[in-house]
Amino acid sequence: MNWQAITFDWNQVRAFLATLEEGSLSAAARALNLTQPTLGRQVAALETELGVTLFERAGRKVVPTPAALEIAEHVRDMGEAAARFSLAANGQSQSIEGEVKISASEIYSMVILPDLIEHLRAEHPGIVIDIVATNALSDLRSREADIAIRNAEPSDPDLIARKMGNQAGGLFASPAFVAKYGPFRSVDDLAGVPFIGVGDEGQFLTALNARGVPVTEASIVAKSTNHLVHWELTKRGLGIGANGSGMAAMSDEVVPILSDVLTFEFPVWLVAPRELKTNRRVRLVFDALARHLTKLQAADRKLHKSA
């Protein structure tokens, strides 16, 4: 390797990559836990070192120049290599004390993970669980999370995934809503009834239409990509909403709608980077979470059958 050719400062490259990914100096500074002036100086120093302009200002945003886009691929490779280095180094630790970051949907984060933390605190008080409550897919290879609960099989071969089975779900509404718009004896009775949209509205409507539910865009009276907001709107009686059967059974503010014919199933996957499975602390939490999900799904199936 030509060591003399490597003259840049990694901190400057990291500042450039963060700015490129985040779209602004302020956002990049927050991501790296730096002050904006410090990050700006690092980017400017890299521009001086390379002899090129990397960003043009566009209001509060910054726009990468052609030169920046040209070197971006190489810089991303460096960032991924640095992340793998950190993962490998951290994976050597056999300590069960420390932080484990779990990424899960907002509903899972609120309903499932608190019980897991309570159990872990009793047996392993040195473990701190950091919950990343998001409906977006966290980038596990970049260490946005150590473990993720997902509803789709990961395609990345460098991730370890364990399918935990399928979760049953359905449609629900408040008793007052059913009294006003019901009774609902068949899917045809749902024509013209208000619905609460969630996530991708097109996918939501397509899934319902595929099951014969006569719902249209005009049926959606409110919507939110936030599942907790969606569920609150449902409980308030503003429309029919969707959720897992087990989670709905935990609330006395909703009742199932046509649960004998409108049952939906979606897979539940537990995912972690391959390197992190060598970490005793993460492996312990991964296995504990797998056991916890297995118990919850058994209870979920029992509740659904009795609904």
C-alpha atoms as a PDB file:
ATOM      1  CA  MET A   1       0.000   0.000   0.000  1.00  0.00           C
ATOM      2  CA  ASN A   2       1.236   3.502  -0.833  1.00  0.00           C
ATOM      3  CA  TRP A   3       1.006   5.091   2.615  1.00  0.00           C
ATOM      4  CA  GLN A   4       2.383   8.387   1.311  1.00  0.00           C
ATOM      5  CA  ALA A   5      -0.731   8.789  -0.887  1.00  0.00           C
ATOM      6  CA  ILE A   6      -3.036   8.766   2.151  1.00  0.00           C
ATOM      7  CA  THR A   7      -2.982  12.359   3.351  1.00  0.00           C
ATOM      8  CA  PHE A   8      -6.575  13.078   4.391  1.00  0.00           C
ATOM      9  CA  ASP A   9      -7.961  13.243   7.924  1.00  0.00           C
ATOM     10  CA  TRP A  10     -10.659  10.614   8.622  1.00  0.00           C
ATOM     11  CA  ASN A  11     -12.627  13.091  10.748  1.00  0.00           C
ATOM     12  CA  GLN A  12     -12.852  15.379   7.733  1.00  0.00           C
ATOM     13  CA  VAL A  13     -14.021  12.537   5.500  1.00  0.00           C
ATOM     14  CA  ARG A  14     -16.596  11.520   8.105  1.00  0.00           C
ATOM     15  CA  ALA A  15     -17.862  15.108   8.272  1.00  0.00           C
ATOM     16  CA  PHE A  16     -18.188  15.163   4.462  1.00  0.00           C
ATOM     17  CA  LEU A  17     -20.064  11.822   4.386  1.00  0.00           C
ATOM     18  CA  ALA A  18     -22.456  12.876   7.150  1.00  0.00           C
ATOM     19  CA  THR A  19     -23.203  16.159   5.383  1.00  0.00           C
ATOM     20  CA  LEU A  20     -23.767  14.310   2.128  1.00  0.00           C
ATOM     21  CA  GLU A  21     -26.166  11.833   3.763  1.00  0.00           C
ATOM     22  CA  GLU A  22     -27.998  14.268   6.061  1.00  0.00           C
ATOM     23  CA  GLY A  23     -28.359  17.098   3.538  1.00  0.00           C
ATOM     24  CA  SER A  24     -27.320  19.990   5.781  1.00  0.00           C
ATOM     25  CA  LEU A  25     -24.476  21.001   8.074  1.00  0.00           C
ATOM     26  CA  SER A  26     -26.783  21.309  11.070  1.00  0.00           C
ATOM     27  CA  ALA A  27     -28.246  17.835  10.601  1.00  0.00           C
ATOM     28  CA  ALA A  28     -24.795  16.341  10.059  1.00  0.00           C
ATOM     29  CA  ALA A  29     -23.495  18.064  13.185  1.00  0.00           C
ATOM     30  CA  ARG A  30     -26.335  16.582  15.226  1.00  0.00           C
ATOM     31  CA  ALA A  31     -25.695  13.124  13.787  1.00  0.00           C
ATOM     32  CA  LEU A  32     -22.000  13.298  14.741  1.00  0.00           C
ATOM     33  CA  ASN A  33     -22.619  15.083  18.055  1.00  0.00           C
ATOM     34  CA  LEU A  34     -20.497  18.037  16.944  1.00  0.00           C
ATOM     35  CA  THR A  35     -21.099  21.752  16.815  1.00  0.00           C
ATOM     36  CA  GLN A  36     -21.996  23.086  13.382  1.00  0.00           C
ATOM     37  CA  PRO A  37     -18.913  25.377  13.214  1.00  0.00           C
ATOM     38  CA  THR A  38     -16.618  22.431  14.017  1.00  0.00           C
ATOM     39  CA  LEU A  39     -18.183  20.275  11.326  1.00  0.00           C
ATOM     40  CA  GLY A  40     -18.086  23.148   8.848  1.00  0.00           C
ATOM     41  CA  ARG A  41     -14.373  23.624   9.477  1.00  0.00           C
ATOM     42  CA  GLN A  42     -13.739  19.917   8.881  1.00  0.00           C
ATOM     43  CA  VAL A  43     -15.576  19.981   5.548  1.00  0.00           C
ATOM     44  CA  ALA A  44     -13.758  23.158   4.518  1.00  0.00           C
ATOM     45  CA  ALA A  45     -10.409  21.608   5.477  1.00  0.00           C
ATOM     46  CA  LEU A  46     -11.155  18.578   3.305  1.00  0.00           C
ATOM     47  CA  GLU A  47     -12.053  20.849   0.387  1.00  0.00           C
ATOM     48  CA  THR A  48      -8.704  22.612   0.833  1.00  0.00           C
ATOM     49  CA  GLU A  49      -6.841  19.299   1.041  1.00  0.00           C
ATOM     50  CA  LEU A  50      -8.505  17.968  -2.111  1.00  0.00           C
ATOM     51  CA  GLY A  51      -8.496  21.284  -3.942  1.00  0.00           C
ATOM     52  CA  VAL A  52     -12.170  21.016  -4.899  1.00  0.00           C
ATOM     53  CA  THR A  53     -15.507  22.475  -3.807  1.00  0.00           C
ATOM     54  CA  LEU A  54     -17.706  19.762  -2.328  1.00  0.00           C
ATOM     55  CA  PHE A  55     -20.918  21.620  -1.508  1.00  0.00           C
ATOM     56  CA  GLU A  56     -22.881  24.635  -2.695  1.00  0.00           C
ATOM     57  CA  ARG A  57     -25.320  26.345  -0.338  1.00  0.00           C
ATOM     58  CA  ALA A  58     -29.047  26.349  -1.146  1.00  0.00           C
ATOM     59  CA  GLY A  59     -30.708  28.131   1.750  1.00  0.00           C
ATOM     60  CA  ARG A  60     -30.291  25.986   4.849  1.00  0.00           C
ATOM     61  CA  LYS A  61     -29.469  22.970   2.728  1.00  0.00           C
ATOM     62  CA  VAL A  62     -26.239  22.129   0.939  1.00  0.00           C
ATOM     63  CA  VAL A  63     -26.072  20.641  -2.546  1.00  0.00           C
ATOM     64  CA  PRO A  64     -23.202  18.316  -3.449  1.00  0.00           C
ATOM     65  CA  THR A  65     -21.113  19.392  -6.413  1.00  0.00           C
ATOM     66  CA  PRO A  66     -20.215  17.020  -9.264  1.00  0.00           C
ATOM     67  CA  ALA A  67     -16.836  16.535  -7.594  1.00  0.00           C
ATOM     68  CA  ALA A  68     -18.543  15.483  -4.370  1.00  0.00           C
ATOM     69  CA  LEU A  69     -20.763  13.003  -6.184  1.00  0.00           C
ATOM     70  CA  GLU A  70     -17.748  11.569  -7.972  1.00  0.00           C
ATOM     71  CA  ILE A  71     -15.925  10.710  -4.756  1.00  0.00           C
ATOM     72  CA  ALA A  72     -19.088   9.828  -2.793  1.00  0.00           C
ATOM     73  CA  GLU A  73     -19.012   6.126  -3.679  1.00  0.00           C
ATOM     74  CA  HIS A  74     -15.437   5.758  -2.440  1.00  0.00           C
ATOM     75  CA  VAL A  75     -16.219   7.660   0.741  1.00  0.00           C
ATOM     76  CA  ARG A  76     -19.279   5.493   1.429  1.00  0.00           C
ATOM     77  CA  ASP A  77     -17.090   2.405   1.076  1.00  0.00           C
ATOM     78  CA  MET A  78     -14.745   3.917   3.644  1.00  0.00           C
ATOM     79  CA  GLY A  79     -17.662   4.644   5.975  1.00  0.00           C
ATOM     80  CA  GLU A  80     -18.934   1.084   5.722  1.00  0.00           C
ATOM     81  CA  ALA A  81     -15.438  -0.255   6.335  1.00  0.00           C
ATOM     82  CA  ALA A  82     -15.124   1.944   9.418  1.00  0.00           C
ATOM     83  CA  ALA A  83     -18.507   0.688  10.648  1.00  0.00           C
ATOM     84  CA  ARG A  84     -17.432  -2.927  10.130  1.00  0.00           C
ATOM     85  CA  PHE A  85     -14.233  -2.210  12.038  1.00  0.00           C
ATOM     86  CA  SER A  86     -16.249  -0.825  14.970  1.00  0.00           C
ATOM     87  CA  LEU A  87     -18.627  -3.794  14.865  1.00  0.00           C
ATOM     88  CA  ALA A  88     -15.770  -6.278  14.846  1.00  0.00           C
ATOM     89  CA  ALA A  89     -14.033  -4.516  17.735  1.00  0.00           C
ATOM     90  CA  ASN A  90     -17.216  -4.251  19.768  1.00  0.00           C
ATOM     91  CA  GLY A  91     -18.107  -7.837  18.972  1.00  0.00           C
ATOM     92  CA  GLN A  92     -15.013  -9.022  20.835  1.00  0.00           C
ATOM     93  CA  SER A  93     -16.492  -7.816  24.108  1.00  0.00           C
ATOM     94  CA  GLN A  94     -17.936 -10.577  26.262  1.00  0.00           C
ATOM     95  CA  SER A  95     -19.287  -8.222  28.906  1.00  0.00           C
ATOM     96  CA  ILE A  96     -23.030  -8.426  29.497  1.00  0.00           C
ATOM     97  CA  GLU A  97     -23.071  -4.905  30.879  1.00  0.00           C
ATOM     98  CA  GLY A  98     -23.812  -2.049  28.539  1.00  0.00           C
ATOM     99  CA  GLU A  99     -26.277  -0.810  25.955  1.00  0.00           C
ATOM    100  CA  VAL A 100     -28.239  -2.774  23.371  1.00  0.00           C
ATOM    101  CA  LYS A 101     -30.262  -0.819  20.821  1.00  0.00           C
ATOM    102  CA  ILE A 102     -33.498  -2.414  19.576  1.00  0.00           C
ATOM    103  CA  SER A 103     -35.362  -1.034  16.573  1.00  0.00           C
ATOM    104  CA  ALA A 104     -39.090  -1.782  16.406  1.00  0.00           C
ATOM    105  CA  SER A 105     -42.317  -0.228  15.183  1.00  0.00           C
ATOM    106  CA  GLU A 106     -44.016   2.314  17.390  1.00  0.00           C
ATOM    107  CA  ILE A 107     -46.693  -0.173  18.433  1.00  0.00           C
ATOM    108  CA  TYR A 108     -44.157  -2.912  19.240  1.00  0.00           C
ATOM    109  CA  SER A 109     -41.989  -0.414  21.100  1.00  0.00           C
ATOM    110  CA  MET A 110     -44.900   0.659  23.275  1.00  0.00           C
ATOM    111  CA  VAL A 111     -46.579  -2.704  23.884  1.00  0.00           C
ATOM    112  CA  ILE A 112     -43.929  -5.418  23.631  1.00  0.00           C
ATOM    113  CA  LEU A 113     -40.556  -4.011  24.640  1.00  0.00           C
ATOM    114  CA  PRO A 114     -41.424  -2.632  28.123  1.00  0.00           C
ATOM    115  CA  ASP A 115     -42.196  -6.177  29.341  1.00  0.00           C
ATOM    116  CA  LEU A 116     -38.903  -7.396  27.902  1.00  0.00           C
ATOM    117  CA  ILE A 117     -36.996  -4.623  29.676  1.00  0.00           C
ATOM    118  CA  GLU A 118     -38.723  -5.456  32.946  1.00  0.00           C
ATOM    119  CA  HIS A 119     -37.635  -9.083  32.601  1.00  0.00           C
ATOM    120  CA  LEU A 120     -34.057  -8.203  31.645  1.00  0.00           C
ATOM    121  CA  ARG A 121     -33.725  -5.690  34.475  1.00  0.00           C
ATOM    122  CA  ALA A 122     -34.537  -8.431  36.965  1.00  0.00           C
ATOM    123  CA  GLU A 123     -31.952 -10.877  35.607  1.00  0.00           C
ATOM    124  CA  HIS A 124     -29.331  -8.602  34.024  1.00  0.00           C
ATOM    125  CA  PRO A 125     -29.465  -5.134  35.628  1.00  0.00           C
ATOM    126  CA  GLY A 126     -26.278  -4.098  33.833  1.00  0.00           C
ATOM    127  CA  ILE A 127     -27.943  -4.164  30.417  1.00  0.00           C
ATOM    128  CA  VAL A 128     -29.471  -0.910  29.178  1.00  0.00           C
ATOM    129  CA  ILE A 129     -32.027  -1.187  26.355  1.00  0.00           C
ATOM    130  CA  ASP A 130     -32.235   1.756  23.968  1.00  0.00           C
ATOM    131  CA  ILE A 131     -35.551   1.586  22.075  1.00  0.00           C
ATOM    132  CA  VAL A 132     -35.566   3.026  18.544  1.00  0.00           C
ATOM    133  CA  ALA A 133     -39.305   3.431  17.936  1.00  0.00           C
ATOM    134  CA  THR A 134     -39.664   3.809  14.190  1.00  0.00           C
ATOM    135  CA  ASN A 135     -41.697   2.351  11.352  1.00  0.00           C
ATOM    136  CA  ALA A 136     -38.736   2.834   9.017  1.00  0.00           C
ATOM    137  CA  LEU A 137     -36.094   0.148   8.532  1.00  0.00           C
ATOM    138  CA  SER A 138     -33.049   0.910  10.646  1.00  0.00           C
ATOM    139  CA  ASP A 139     -29.686   0.362   8.967  1.00  0.00           C
ATOM    140  CA  LEU A 140     -28.243  -2.423  11.103  1.00  0.00           C
ATOM    141  CA  ARG A 141     -24.935  -2.545   9.244  1.00  0.00           C
ATOM    142  CA  SER A 142     -24.345   1.118  10.128  1.00  0.00           C
ATOM    143  CA  ARG A 143     -25.204   0.361  13.763  1.00  0.00           C
ATOM    144  CA  GLU A 144     -28.433   2.377  13.847  1.00  0.00           C
ATOM    145  CA  ALA A 145     -29.600  -0.568  15.943  1.00  0.00           C
ATOM    146  CA  ASP A 146     -28.159  -3.838  17.251  1.00  0.00           C
ATOM    147  CA  ILE A 147     -31.398  -5.815  16.863  1.00  0.00           C
ATOM    148  CA  ALA A 148     -34.534  -5.137  14.833  1.00  0.00           C
ATOM    149  CA  ILE A 149     -38.067  -6.529  14.822  1.00  0.00           C
ATOM    150  CA  ARG A 150     -39.326  -6.474  11.240  1.00  0.00           C
ATOM    151  CA  ASN A 151     -42.350  -7.637   9.294  1.00  0.00           C
ATOM    152  CA  ALA A 152     -40.397  -8.582   6.173  1.00  0.00           C
ATOM    153  CA  GLU A 153     -37.554 -11.013   5.548  1.00  0.00           C
ATOM    154  CA  PRO A 154     -34.272  -9.104   5.138  1.00  0.00           C
ATOM    155  CA  SER A 155     -32.541  -9.451   1.792  1.00  0.00           C
ATOM    156  CA  ASP A 156     -29.063  -8.571   3.071  1.00  0.00           C
ATOM    157  CA  PRO A 157     -27.034 -11.826   3.344  1.00  0.00           C
ATOM    158  CA  ASP A 158     -24.840 -10.258   6.022  1.00  0.00           C
ATOM    159  CA  LEU A 159     -27.770 -10.094   8.431  1.00  0.00           C
ATOM    160  CA  ILE A 160     -28.855 -12.930  10.679  1.00  0.00           C
ATOM    161  CA  ALA A 161     -32.628 -13.349  10.670  1.00  0.00           C
ATOM    162  CA  ARG A 162     -34.920 -15.619  12.636  1.00  0.00           C
ATOM    163  CA  LYS A 163     -38.561 -15.893  11.642  1.00  0.00           C
ATOM    164  CA  MET A 164     -40.718 -15.803  14.737  1.00  0.00           C
ATOM    165  CA  GLY A 165     -43.882 -16.877  12.945  1.00  0.00           C
ATOM    166  CA  ASN A 166     -46.869 -14.880  11.792  1.00  0.00           C
ATOM    167  CA  GLN A 167     -48.872 -12.335  13.721  1.00  0.00           C
ATOM    168  CA  ALA A 168     -52.615 -12.249  13.276  1.00  0.00           C
ATOM    169  CA  GLY A 169     -54.319  -8.931  12.764  1.00  0.00           C
ATOM    170  CA  GLY A 170     -57.613  -7.477  11.743  1.00  0.00           C
ATOM    171  CA  LEU A 171     -59.944  -4.502  11.703  1.00  0.00           C
ATOM    172  CA  PHE A 172     -61.209  -2.803  14.855  1.00  0.00           C
ATOM    173  CA  ALA A 173     -63.446   0.067  15.896  1.00  0.00           C
ATOM    174  CA  SER A 174     -64.841   1.606  19.051  1.00  0.00           C
ATOM    175  CA  PRO A 175     -68.155   0.267  20.427  1.00  0.00           C
ATOM    176  CA  ALA A 176     -69.724   3.691  19.830  1.00  0.00           C
ATOM    177  CA  PHE A 177     -68.629   3.583  16.175  1.00  0.00           C
ATOM    178  CA  VAL A 178     -70.178   0.126  15.714  1.00  0.00           C
ATOM    179  CA  ALA A 179     -73.414   1.314  17.323  1.00  0.00           C
ATOM    180  CA  LYS A 180     -73.522   4.248  14.912  1.00  0.00           C
ATOM    181  CA  TYR A 181     -72.514   2.560  11.645  1.00  0.00           C
ATOM    182  CA  GLY A 182     -73.208  -1.135  12.321  1.00  0.00           C
ATOM    183  CA  PRO A 183     -74.120  -3.814  12.588  1.00  0.00           C
ATOM    184  CA  PHE A 184     -71.456  -5.329  10.343  1.00  0.00           C
ATOM    185  CA  ARG A 185     -72.560  -8.785   9.205  1.00  0.00           C
ATOM    186  CA  SER A 186     -70.623  -8.947   5.937  1.00  0.00           C
ATOM    187  CA  VAL A 187     -67.926  -7.018   4.083  1.00  0.00           C
ATOM    188  CA  ASP A 188     -70.643  -5.355   2.011  1.00  0.00           C
ATOM    189  CA  ASP A 189     -71.787  -3.549   5.165  1.00  0.00           C
ATOM    190  CA  LEU A 190     -68.446  -1.679   5.177  1.00  0.00           C
ATOM    191  CA  ALA A 191     -69.270   0.272   2.014  1.00  0.00           C
ATOM    192  CA  GLY A 192     -69.205   4.006   2.712  1.00  0.00           C
ATOM    193  CA  VAL A 193     -68.017   3.490   6.295  1.00  0.00           C
ATOM    194  CA  PRO A 194     -65.180   5.771   7.553  1.00  0.00           C
ATOM    195  CA  PHE A 195     -61.709   4.214   7.762  1.00  0.00           C
ATOM    196  CA  ILE A 196     -58.462   5.407   9.349  1.00  0.00           C
ATOM    197  CA  GLY A 197     -55.516   5.062   6.949  1.00  0.00           C
ATOM    198  CA  VAL A 198     -52.098   3.899   8.101  1.00  0.00           C
ATOM    199  CA  GLY A 199     -48.707   3.832   6.398  1.00  0.00           C
ATOM    200  CA  ASP A 200     -48.811   3.597   2.622  1.00  0.00           C
ATOM    201  CA  GLU A 201     -52.434   4.408   1.802  1.00  0.00           C
ATOM    202  CA  GLY A 202     -52.264   2.611  -1.539  1.00  0.00           C
ATOM    203  CA  GLN A 203     -51.040  -0.610   0.052  1.00  0.00           C
ATOM    204  CA  PHE A 204     -53.652  -0.304   2.790  1.00  0.00           C
ATOM    205  CA  LEU A 205     -56.497   0.033   0.309  1.00  0.00           C
ATOM    206  CA  THR A 206     -55.116  -2.703  -1.946  1.00  0.00           C
ATOM    207  CA  ALA A 207     -54.901  -5.164   0.951  1.00  0.00           C
ATOM    208  CA  LEU A 208     -58.483  -4.444   2.000  1.00  0.00           C
ATOM    209  CA  ASN A 209     -59.826  -4.568  -1.557  1.00  0.00           C
ATOM    210  CA  ALA A 210     -58.126  -7.925  -2.065  1.00  0.00           C
ATOM    211  CA  ARG A 211     -60.247  -9.274   0.768  1.00  0.00           C
ATOM    212  CA  GLY A 212     -63.421  -7.892  -0.734  1.00  0.00           C
ATOM    213  CA  VAL A 213     -63.723  -4.821   1.480  1.00  0.00           C
ATOM    214  CA  PRO A 214     -65.416  -2.046  -0.575  1.00  0.00           C
ATOM    215  CA  VAL A 215     -63.150   0.707   0.727  1.00  0.00           C
ATOM    216  CA  THR A 216     -61.970   3.597  -1.476  1.00  0.00           C
ATOM    217  CA  GLU A 217     -59.900   6.727  -1.035  1.00  0.00           C
ATOM    218  CA  ALA A 218     -63.139   8.527  -0.179  1.00  0.00           C
ATOM    219  CA  SER A 219     -63.560   6.162   2.774  1.00  0.00           C
ATOM    220  CA  ILE A 220     -60.361   7.451   4.432  1.00  0.00           C
ATOM    221  CA  VAL A 221     -61.403  10.238   6.814  1.00  0.00           C
ATOM    222  CA  ALA A 222     -58.033  10.520   8.580  1.00  0.00           C
ATOM    223  CA  LYS A 223     -54.619   8.894   8.272  1.00  0.00           C
ATOM    224  CA  SER A 224     -51.186   8.816   9.831  1.00  0.00           C
ATOM    225  CA  THR A 225     -47.924   7.029   9.219  1.00  0.00           C
ATOM    226  CA  ASN A 226     -47.563   6.962  13.004  1.00  0.00           C
ATOM    227  CA  HIS A 227     -49.192   3.755  14.231  1.00  0.00           C
ATOM    228  CA  LEU A 228     -49.888   5.157  17.683  1.00  0.00           C
ATOM    229  CA  VAL A 229     -51.770   8.087  16.178  1.00  0.00           C
ATOM    230  CA  HIS A 230     -53.651   5.705  13.886  1.00  0.00           C
ATOM    231  CA  TRP A 231     -54.680   3.595  16.880  1.00  0.00           C
ATOM    232  CA  GLU A 232     -55.736   6.604  18.934  1.00  0.00           C
ATOM    233  CA  LEU A 233     -57.947   7.829  16.080  1.00  0.00           C
ATOM    234  CA  THR A 234     -59.481   4.365  15.927  1.00  0.00           C
ATOM    235  CA  LYS A 235     -60.171   4.258  19.658  1.00  0.00           C
ATOM    236  CA  ARG A 236     -61.742   7.714  19.493  1.00  0.00           C
ATOM    237  CA  GLY A 237     -64.381   6.321  17.136  1.00  0.00           C
ATOM    238  CA  LEU A 238     -63.376   8.291  14.049  1.00  0.00           C
ATOM    239  CA  GLY A 239     -63.164   5.245  11.813  1.00  0.00           C
ATOM    240  CA  ILE A 240     -62.209   1.602  11.448  1.00  0.00           C
ATOM    241  CA  GLY A 241     -58.519   0.919  12.001  1.00  0.00           C
ATOM    242  CA  ALA A 242     -56.133  -2.020  11.736  1.00  0.00           C
ATOM    243  CA  ASN A 243     -53.892  -3.658  14.309  1.00  0.00           C
ATOM    244  CA  GLY A 244     -52.598  -6.962  15.617  1.00  0.00           C
ATOM    245  CA  SER A 245     -55.238  -9.078  17.337  1.00  0.00           C
ATOM    246  CA  GLY A 246     -53.194  -9.521  20.491  1.00  0.00           C
ATOM    247  CA  MET A 247     -52.555  -5.810  20.859  1.00  0.00           C
ATOM    248  CA  ALA A 248     -56.195  -4.974  20.215  1.00  0.00           C
ATOM    249  CA  ALA A 249     -57.219  -7.490  22.858  1.00  0.00           C
ATOM    250  CA  MET A 250     -55.247  -5.499  25.427  1.00  0.00           C
ATOM    251  CA  SER A 251     -57.660  -2.581  24.980  1.00  0.00           C
ATOM    252  CA  ASP A 252     -61.289  -2.493  26.078  1.00  0.00           C
ATOM    253  CA  GLU A 253     -61.823   0.565  23.868  1.00  0.00           C
ATOM    254  CA  VAL A 254     -62.136  -1.393  20.618  1.00  0.00           C
ATOM    255  CA  VAL A 255     -64.024  -4.401  19.276  1.00  0.00           C
ATOM    256  CA  PRO A 256     -63.139  -6.606  16.277  1.00  0.00           C
ATOM    257  CA  ILE A 257     -64.887  -6.060  12.955  1.00  0.00           C
ATOM    258  CA  LEU A 258     -65.844  -9.237  11.032  1.00  0.00           C
ATOM    259  CA  SER A 259     -63.004 -11.162  12.674  1.00  0.00           C
ATOM    260  CA  ASP A 260     -64.356 -14.432  11.264  1.00  0.00           C
ATOM    261  CA  VAL A 261     -63.674 -13.376   7.667  1.00  0.00           C
ATOM    262  CA  LEU A 262     -61.249 -10.433   7.854  1.00  0.00           C
ATOM    263  CA  THR A 263     -58.091 -11.849   9.379  1.00  0.00           C
ATOM    264  CA  PHE A 264     -54.700 -10.724   8.163  1.00  0.00           C
ATOM    265  CA  GLU A 265     -51.367 -12.373   8.857  1.00  0.00           C
ATOM    266  CA  PHE A 266     -47.922 -10.847   8.525  1.00  0.00           C
ATOM    267  CA  PRO A 267     -44.515 -12.362   9.352  1.00  0.00           C
ATOM    268  CA  VAL A 268     -42.405 -11.312  12.304  1.00  0.00           C
ATOM    269  CA  TRP A 269     -38.630 -11.452  11.893  1.00  0.00           C
ATOM    270  CA  LEU A 270     -35.917 -10.870  14.446  1.00  0.00           C
ATOM    271  CA  VAL A 271     -32.811  -9.482  12.742  1.00  0.00           C
ATOM    272  CA  ALA A 272     -29.246  -8.636  13.780  1.00  0.00           C
ATOM    273  CA  PRO A 273     -25.909  -8.040  12.030  1.00  0.00           C
ATOM    274  CA  ARG A 274     -23.814 -11.189  11.780  1.00  0.00           C
ATOM    275  CA  GLU A 275     -20.929  -9.568  13.659  1.00  0.00           C
ATOM    276  CA  LEU A 276     -23.104  -8.674  16.601  1.00  0.00           C
ATOM    277  CA  LYS A 277     -24.096 -12.273  17.201  1.00  0.00           C
ATOM    278  CA  THR A 278     -20.564 -12.777  18.527  1.00  0.00           C
ATOM    279  CA  ASN A 279     -21.273 -10.211  21.205  1.00  0.00           C
ATOM    280  CA  ARG A 280     -22.448 -11.982  24.354  1.00  0.00           C
ATOM    281  CA  ARG A 281     -24.604  -9.059  25.527  1.00  0.00           C
ATOM    282  CA  VAL A 282     -26.409  -8.661  22.211  1.00  0.00           C
ATOM    283  CA  ARG A 283     -26.821 -12.417  21.817  1.00  0.00           C
ATOM    284  CA  LEU A 284     -28.383 -12.614  25.272  1.00  0.00           C
ATOM    285  CA  VAL A 285     -30.901  -9.874  24.447  1.00  0.00           C
ATOM    286  CA  PHE A 286     -31.575 -11.401  21.002  1.00  0.00           C
ATOM    287  CA  ASP A 287     -32.425 -14.786  22.553  1.00  0.00           C
ATOM    288  CA  ALA A 288     -34.503 -13.211  25.334  1.00  0.00           C
ATOM    289  CA  LEU A 289     -36.460 -11.194  22.781  1.00  0.00           C
ATOM    290  CA  ALA A 290     -37.022 -14.341  20.684  1.00  0.00           C
ATOM    291  CA  ARG A 291     -38.482 -16.164  23.700  1.00  0.00           C
ATOM    292  CA  HIS A 292     -40.616 -13.142  24.544  1.00  0.00           C
ATOM    293  CA  LEU A 293     -42.021 -12.903  21.014  1.00  0.00           C
ATOM    294  CA  THR A 294     -42.749 -16.636  20.968  1.00  0.00           C
ATOM    295  CA  LYS A 295     -44.826 -16.357  24.146  1.00  0.00           C
ATOM    296  CA  LEU A 296     -46.671 -13.301  22.873  1.00  0.00           C
ATOM    297  CA  GLN A 297     -47.507 -14.956  19.575  1.00  0.00           C
ATOM    298  CA  ALA A 298     -48.857 -18.034  21.378  1.00  0.00           C
ATOM    299  CA  ALA A 299     -51.101 -15.756  23.433  1.00  0.00           C
ATOM    300  CA  ASP A 300     -52.024 -13.826  20.288  1.00  0.00           C
ATOM    301  CA  ARG A 301     -53.192 -16.996  18.531  1.00  0.00           C
ATOM    302  CA  LYS A 302     -55.222 -18.008  21.575  1.00  0.00           C
ATOM    303  CA  LEU A 303     -56.897 -14.616  21.769  1.00  0.00           C
ATOM    304  CA  HIS A 304     -57.655 -14.631  18.051  1.00  0.00           C
ATOM    305  CA  LYS A 305     -59.290 -18.051  18.197  1.00  0.00           C
ATOM    306  CA  SER A 306     -61.486 -16.946  21.072  1.00  0.00           C
ATOM    307  CA  ALA A 307     -62.489 -13.675  19.358  1.00  0.00           C
END
